Amino acid sequence: MPPARREPQYTVQDVIDLVQNGESDVEIEISDTDKSDEDSDEDVCKEVDKENQPPMVCPADNYVDIEPKTRKHTMPRDRYRWLKKDFISPNTDFSGLDITADDISLHTPLEYFQKFVSEHMIEALTQNTNEYSFQVHGTSVNTTAKEIEKMLGMYLKMGLVQMAGTRMYWETETRYSPVADVMPRNRFQSLLTSLHFVNNMTVSETEKKDKLWKLRLWLDSFREKCLQVVPEEHNSVDEMMIPFKGKFSSIKQYMRGKPNPWGFKVWVRTGISGMMCDFDVYQGSVNGIRAKSELGLSGEVVMKLASTLPEGQNYKLYADNYFTCVPLLVKLLDRGIHYVGTARQVRLPNCNLEDEKSLKKKGRGSYDVRVEGNHNICAVKWYDSRAVTLVSSFAGPEPVQKIQRWDKANKTFIEVERPYIVGAYNKYMGRVDLLDSFTAKYKFPIKSRHWYMYIFWHTIILAVINAWLLYKRDCKALKVSSKETMNRRQFQAQLASSLILVNATLQTPKRGRPSSGKGSPATQSVTSGSPLNAQKRPSKRCANLPLDVRKDLVGHFPRKTGRGRCRQCNKGYTNTQCRKCDVRLCFLDNRDCFWDFHHQ
């Protein structure tokens, strides 16, 4: 009988040499009875996955058994080999879809807005609102999709002309007609309290485990619309805060240093223009349990937001040191997506970059470089006023740029060398912060008892911003001059007017009780004089009348007014005015400007 084949035996020193040289392709099995070897070689045991290995008896006191690797396991920290050599940038020519003037045409603000908040979403919101009001109060509010659109238009107008409270828009001393004339105050507040996005009676217990189940259908529909926009080559990932200080919410977060530290955290991926392309509302742990992965929470967030980018087309992602780790860059490279981001030193295992003191002695602009040999990842540590570390899969230190920096000691500008990776990061990062600055402007803070309504109103503002940025992108592709391009305020104003007026007739709501005699003093001051003089000046609504309001063919009725110049031909004078558009138009035998204005 042949002798039993013994497994190869190695001394502890041999095992240490194999692991440090990165040549070990074996798993180490250490007996539970051999505690002295485990204690004496603690550093080696840290690199070993002991959780999934069965104990074995050592044949000798100073030996450990080593078996060939039989199953895949997490690689140790020394799998990355950082070398001090020149970084060779790969070919990163962008091959994704490009925006050309032949493929696009300009639309109205309402049409751009409907790319993100569609009519189907409004119809679903209307149905769920009616059902919810009936379930809670026993009677339905009987709202319609057009009334919901009017409410959204009123909300956007409130953002343009902000007051301390919602009721002030209807009060006599502070009345704002573009809002108050659209809908009575009580009706507006009744709709605000009845807005709902899902039928509570049909939601299962499994769906209720989602902390955002009351808003999930709306969020999924809005995210689907955002993903339909052609993404830009350069994208940045960061967190966004939706302001909220209420008590009754399980997903409220606190982020120190943010303009609004209390609120709901949203992971966002934006393009270089600031347009939101993908997002995910952070809900915290599920039942107190956090899923563990090699990338961690931050890395998994980037992978989820990057999963909606096309593979193999050399898209570029930028993020800060909260998200950056080397395994993340490797996984993105497998999808053909490149990455640049600041990094924490503890997340760069075995990357021995120079410390900050030695770089400071060399002076401002000094830097140190390491290149990971297996995956061609570059790490650069640059010192300006302090040291910062960046890693990238496509950007390196070359070409080094000369930039101007202020020298406090000499009180003058000096030239400082800046690696290319730092310039690329500064140029394309921070777009989520740009989006935050857009949302903070022209947004009216409506208060609500329901915490999820704050997220809903924030998505409405995000839809307006995305629509405006998409409009600006089309204007740039069509080479429209900056003077002819609407700014954010003009775009939101026209969108609000379109939401209120398109496919609707003009109705001025009645205020208070019917008056007897000559009416209130306020009414007497407005109506004093001849009736024609009171209507000589049309309202400012005609100055920038949205095109879709002119051509909706609803509610455009003529009326007699004071004589004035025709808006269409700009030559003749007429006393015929459109009730809805508030513009004078010729209505003669030989010239029908009334028809031309609403059909051309």
Foldseek 3Di string as FASTA:
>chain_A
DDDDDDADKDFPVVVVVCVVVVNDQWAWAAAPVLVVVCVVPVVVVVQHDHPPHDHDDDPDNGITGIDGDDDDDDHGPPPWDKDFDDFDFDDQDFDFDDDFLVVDDFDALQVLLCLQVNLVQLQLQQVQLQLQCCVPVVHGLPDDSLVVLLLLLLQLVCLLVPDPDDCQCQDPVRHDCVNCQQDPPVNSVVSVQRGWRDNPVPDDPVLVLPLCSRCVVVVVSSLVSLQVDRADQEKEKDKDFQADDDDPGQQWAADPPDPRRTGWIKIFIHFQLLATRHIDTDRPDRVPDDDDDPQPPLLVSVVVVCVSPQFQRNREYEYEAVRDADVSQVVNVVRNYKYKYWHDPVRNPPHDFDDFVVLVVVPAQDKGWIAGDPQSKIWMWGAHVTITIMIISGFDQPPWDWDWDADPVVRDIDTHTGGPSVVVNVSRYDSNVVNVVQLVRSRHDDDDPDSCVSVVSSSSSSSLVNSLSVSVVSCVSVVPDPVPRDDSSVSSNQNSLCSSQQQDARGGDDDDDDDPDPDDPVVCVQPPDDPQVSLVDFDPCLVCHTLNNLASPPHFDKDFHHWDAAPQPRPDIDRIATPRNRGDHDPDPVDGRSVVRSHD
